[in-house]
């Protein structure tokens, strides 16, 4: 006597079967969030916005320094001081302009 149910080899998709798996594949979020989850999400977004503002201010300050200073001095990990040549200053200016564009929207 066979006590196992027959294997489901049909291509017919029954309503309600594996719907949770289908939602995971599409990346849909659960729309029913608790108030605590909503507050946590809002706090995370505010923290992210604050960090973006700080990064924007830092990038603008660095860019201003690169544009206004005739000689730009840098210090390595051992404390040795060196000055950037024109090519290095140009590369850093370009990098800081990209940072300004990224963080100062």
C-alpha atoms as a PDB file:
ATOM      1  CA  UNK A   1       0.000   0.000   0.000  1.00  0.00           C
ATOM      2  CA  UNK A   2       1.421   3.387  -1.022  1.00  0.00           C
ATOM      3  CA  UNK A   3       1.012   5.961   1.782  1.00  0.00           C
ATOM      4  CA  UNK A   4       2.725   8.855  -0.030  1.00  0.00           C
ATOM      5  CA  UNK A   5       0.607  11.359  -1.966  1.00  0.00           C
ATOM      6  CA  UNK A   6       1.324  11.518  -5.699  1.00  0.00           C
ATOM      7  CA  UNK A   7       3.957  14.017  -6.792  1.00  0.00           C
ATOM      8  CA  UNK A   8       2.596  17.302  -8.162  1.00  0.00           C
ATOM      9  CA  UNK A   9       4.026  17.379 -11.690  1.00  0.00           C
ATOM     10  CA  UNK A  10       1.342  19.592 -13.213  1.00  0.00           C
ATOM     11  CA  UNK A  11       2.107  22.997 -14.679  1.00  0.00           C
ATOM     12  CA  UNK A  12      -1.141  24.448 -13.327  1.00  0.00           C
ATOM     13  CA  UNK A  13      -0.427  27.008 -10.563  1.00  0.00           C
ATOM     14  CA  UNK A  14      -3.037  26.846  -7.887  1.00  0.00           C
ATOM     15  CA  UNK A  15      -4.144  30.171  -6.393  1.00  0.00           C
ATOM     16  CA  UNK A  16      -2.500  30.839  -3.058  1.00  0.00           C
ATOM     17  CA  UNK A  17       0.202  28.248  -3.540  1.00  0.00           C
ATOM     18  CA  UNK A  18       3.752  29.630  -3.364  1.00  0.00           C
ATOM     19  CA  UNK A  19       2.566  33.254  -3.496  1.00  0.00           C
ATOM     20  CA  UNK A  20       4.964  34.197  -0.719  1.00  0.00           C
ATOM     21  CA  UNK A  21       7.846  32.846  -2.757  1.00  0.00           C
ATOM     22  CA  UNK A  22       6.697  34.809  -5.807  1.00  0.00           C
ATOM     23  CA  UNK A  23       6.672  38.046  -3.773  1.00  0.00           C
ATOM     24  CA  UNK A  24      10.213  37.380  -2.569  1.00  0.00           C
ATOM     25  CA  UNK A  25      11.379  36.994  -6.150  1.00  0.00           C
ATOM     26  CA  UNK A  26       9.908  40.326  -7.241  1.00  0.00           C
ATOM     27  CA  UNK A  27      11.374  42.161  -4.265  1.00  0.00           C
ATOM     28  CA  UNK A  28       8.081  43.573  -3.018  1.00  0.00           C
ATOM     29  CA  UNK A  29       8.116  44.888   0.517  1.00  0.00           C
ATOM     30  CA  UNK A  30       5.457  44.176   3.067  1.00  0.00           C
ATOM     31  CA  UNK A  31       3.299  47.304   3.011  1.00  0.00           C
ATOM     32  CA  UNK A  32       1.917  46.747   6.521  1.00  0.00           C
ATOM     33  CA  UNK A  33       4.577  48.262   8.785  1.00  0.00           C
ATOM     34  CA  UNK A  34       4.217  48.875  12.457  1.00  0.00           C
ATOM     35  CA  UNK A  35       4.597  52.414  13.811  1.00  0.00           C
ATOM     36  CA  UNK A  36       7.898  51.397  15.434  1.00  0.00           C
ATOM     37  CA  UNK A  37       9.234  50.202  12.087  1.00  0.00           C
ATOM     38  CA  UNK A  38       8.133  53.439  10.434  1.00  0.00           C
ATOM     39  CA  UNK A  39       9.870  55.511  13.146  1.00  0.00           C
ATOM     40  CA  UNK A  40      13.070  53.465  12.812  1.00  0.00           C
ATOM     41  CA  UNK A  41      13.022  53.906   9.046  1.00  0.00           C
ATOM     42  CA  UNK A  42      12.490  57.668   9.381  1.00  0.00           C
ATOM     43  CA  UNK A  43      15.348  57.927  11.892  1.00  0.00           C
ATOM     44  CA  UNK A  44      17.641  56.011   9.550  1.00  0.00           C
ATOM     45  CA  UNK A  45      16.738  58.318   6.653  1.00  0.00           C
ATOM     46  CA  UNK A  46      17.337  61.418   8.799  1.00  0.00           C
ATOM     47  CA  UNK A  47      20.724  60.064   9.871  1.00  0.00           C
ATOM     48  CA  UNK A  48      21.591  59.368   6.232  1.00  0.00           C
ATOM     49  CA  UNK A  49      20.540  62.886   5.231  1.00  0.00           C
ATOM     50  CA  UNK A  50      22.660  64.392   8.005  1.00  0.00           C
ATOM     51  CA  UNK A  51      25.673  62.347   6.896  1.00  0.00           C
ATOM     52  CA  UNK A  52      25.144  63.504   3.304  1.00  0.00           C
ATOM     53  CA  UNK A  53      25.084  67.139   4.461  1.00  0.00           C
ATOM     54  CA  UNK A  54      28.336  66.646   6.372  1.00  0.00           C
ATOM     55  CA  UNK A  55      29.993  64.980   3.395  1.00  0.00           C
ATOM     56  CA  UNK A  56      28.781  67.815   1.157  1.00  0.00           C
ATOM     57  CA  UNK A  57      30.221  70.476   3.461  1.00  0.00           C
ATOM     58  CA  UNK A  58      33.548  68.605   3.685  1.00  0.00           C
ATOM     59  CA  UNK A  59      33.779  68.217  -0.102  1.00  0.00           C
ATOM     60  CA  UNK A  60      32.989  71.896  -0.686  1.00  0.00           C
ATOM     61  CA  UNK A  61      35.567  73.008   1.883  1.00  0.00           C
ATOM     62  CA  UNK A  62      38.260  70.789   0.365  1.00  0.00           C
ATOM     63  CA  UNK A  63      37.425  72.015  -3.145  1.00  0.00           C
ATOM     64  CA  UNK A  64      37.560  75.644  -1.971  1.00  0.00           C
ATOM     65  CA  UNK A  65      40.987  75.017  -0.412  1.00  0.00           C
ATOM     66  CA  UNK A  66      42.290  73.398  -3.602  1.00  0.00           C
ATOM     67  CA  UNK A  67      41.037  76.294  -5.724  1.00  0.00           C
ATOM     68  CA  UNK A  68      42.215  79.151  -3.483  1.00  0.00           C
ATOM     69  CA  UNK A  69      45.547  77.926  -2.131  1.00  0.00           C
ATOM     70  CA  UNK A  70      48.646  78.499  -4.259  1.00  0.00           C
ATOM     71  CA  UNK A  71      50.402  75.491  -2.664  1.00  0.00           C
ATOM     72  CA  UNK A  72      48.581  72.512  -1.187  1.00  0.00           C
ATOM     73  CA  UNK A  73      50.403  70.680   1.559  1.00  0.00           C
ATOM     74  CA  UNK A  74      49.729  67.065   2.525  1.00  0.00           C
ATOM     75  CA  UNK A  75      50.964  64.867   5.331  1.00  0.00           C
ATOM     76  CA  UNK A  76      51.499  61.090   5.106  1.00  0.00           C
ATOM     77  CA  UNK A  77      51.084  58.499   7.879  1.00  0.00           C
ATOM     78  CA  UNK A  78      54.602  59.035   9.211  1.00  0.00           C
ATOM     79  CA  UNK A  79      54.063  62.789   9.424  1.00  0.00           C
ATOM     80  CA  UNK A  80      56.202  63.690   6.402  1.00  0.00           C
ATOM     81  CA  UNK A  81      55.042  66.875   4.691  1.00  0.00           C
ATOM     82  CA  UNK A  82      54.911  67.215   0.899  1.00  0.00           C
ATOM     83  CA  UNK A  83      53.353  69.617  -1.566  1.00  0.00           C
ATOM     84  CA  UNK A  84      51.078  68.623  -4.424  1.00  0.00           C
ATOM     85  CA  UNK A  85      52.188  69.431  -7.967  1.00  0.00           C
ATOM     86  CA  UNK A  86      49.791  70.895 -10.545  1.00  0.00           C
ATOM     87  CA  UNK A  87      48.712  67.487 -11.910  1.00  0.00           C
ATOM     88  CA  UNK A  88      47.953  66.148  -8.422  1.00  0.00           C
ATOM     89  CA  UNK A  89      45.983  69.296  -7.568  1.00  0.00           C
ATOM     90  CA  UNK A  90      43.980  68.934 -10.803  1.00  0.00           C
ATOM     91  CA  UNK A  91      43.196  65.273 -10.005  1.00  0.00           C
ATOM     92  CA  UNK A  92      42.091  66.143  -6.483  1.00  0.00           C
ATOM     93  CA  UNK A  93      39.946  69.041  -7.743  1.00  0.00           C
ATOM     94  CA  UNK A  94      38.186  66.707 -10.160  1.00  0.00           C
ATOM     95  CA  UNK A  95      37.616  64.125  -7.412  1.00  0.00           C
ATOM     96  CA  UNK A  96      36.215  66.770  -5.042  1.00  0.00           C
ATOM     97  CA  UNK A  97      33.945  68.166  -7.767  1.00  0.00           C
ATOM     98  CA  UNK A  98      32.556  64.649  -8.240  1.00  0.00           C
ATOM     99  CA  UNK A  99      31.995  64.357  -4.462  1.00  0.00           C
ATOM    100  CA  UNK A 100      30.205  67.722  -4.449  1.00  0.00           C
ATOM    101  CA  UNK A 101      27.985  66.507  -7.295  1.00  0.00           C
ATOM    102  CA  UNK A 102      27.259  63.269  -5.443  1.00  0.00           C
ATOM    103  CA  UNK A 103      26.529  64.605  -1.954  1.00  0.00           C
ATOM    104  CA  UNK A 104      25.231  68.136  -2.604  1.00  0.00           C
ATOM    105  CA  UNK A 105      22.027  67.442  -4.511  1.00  0.00           C
END
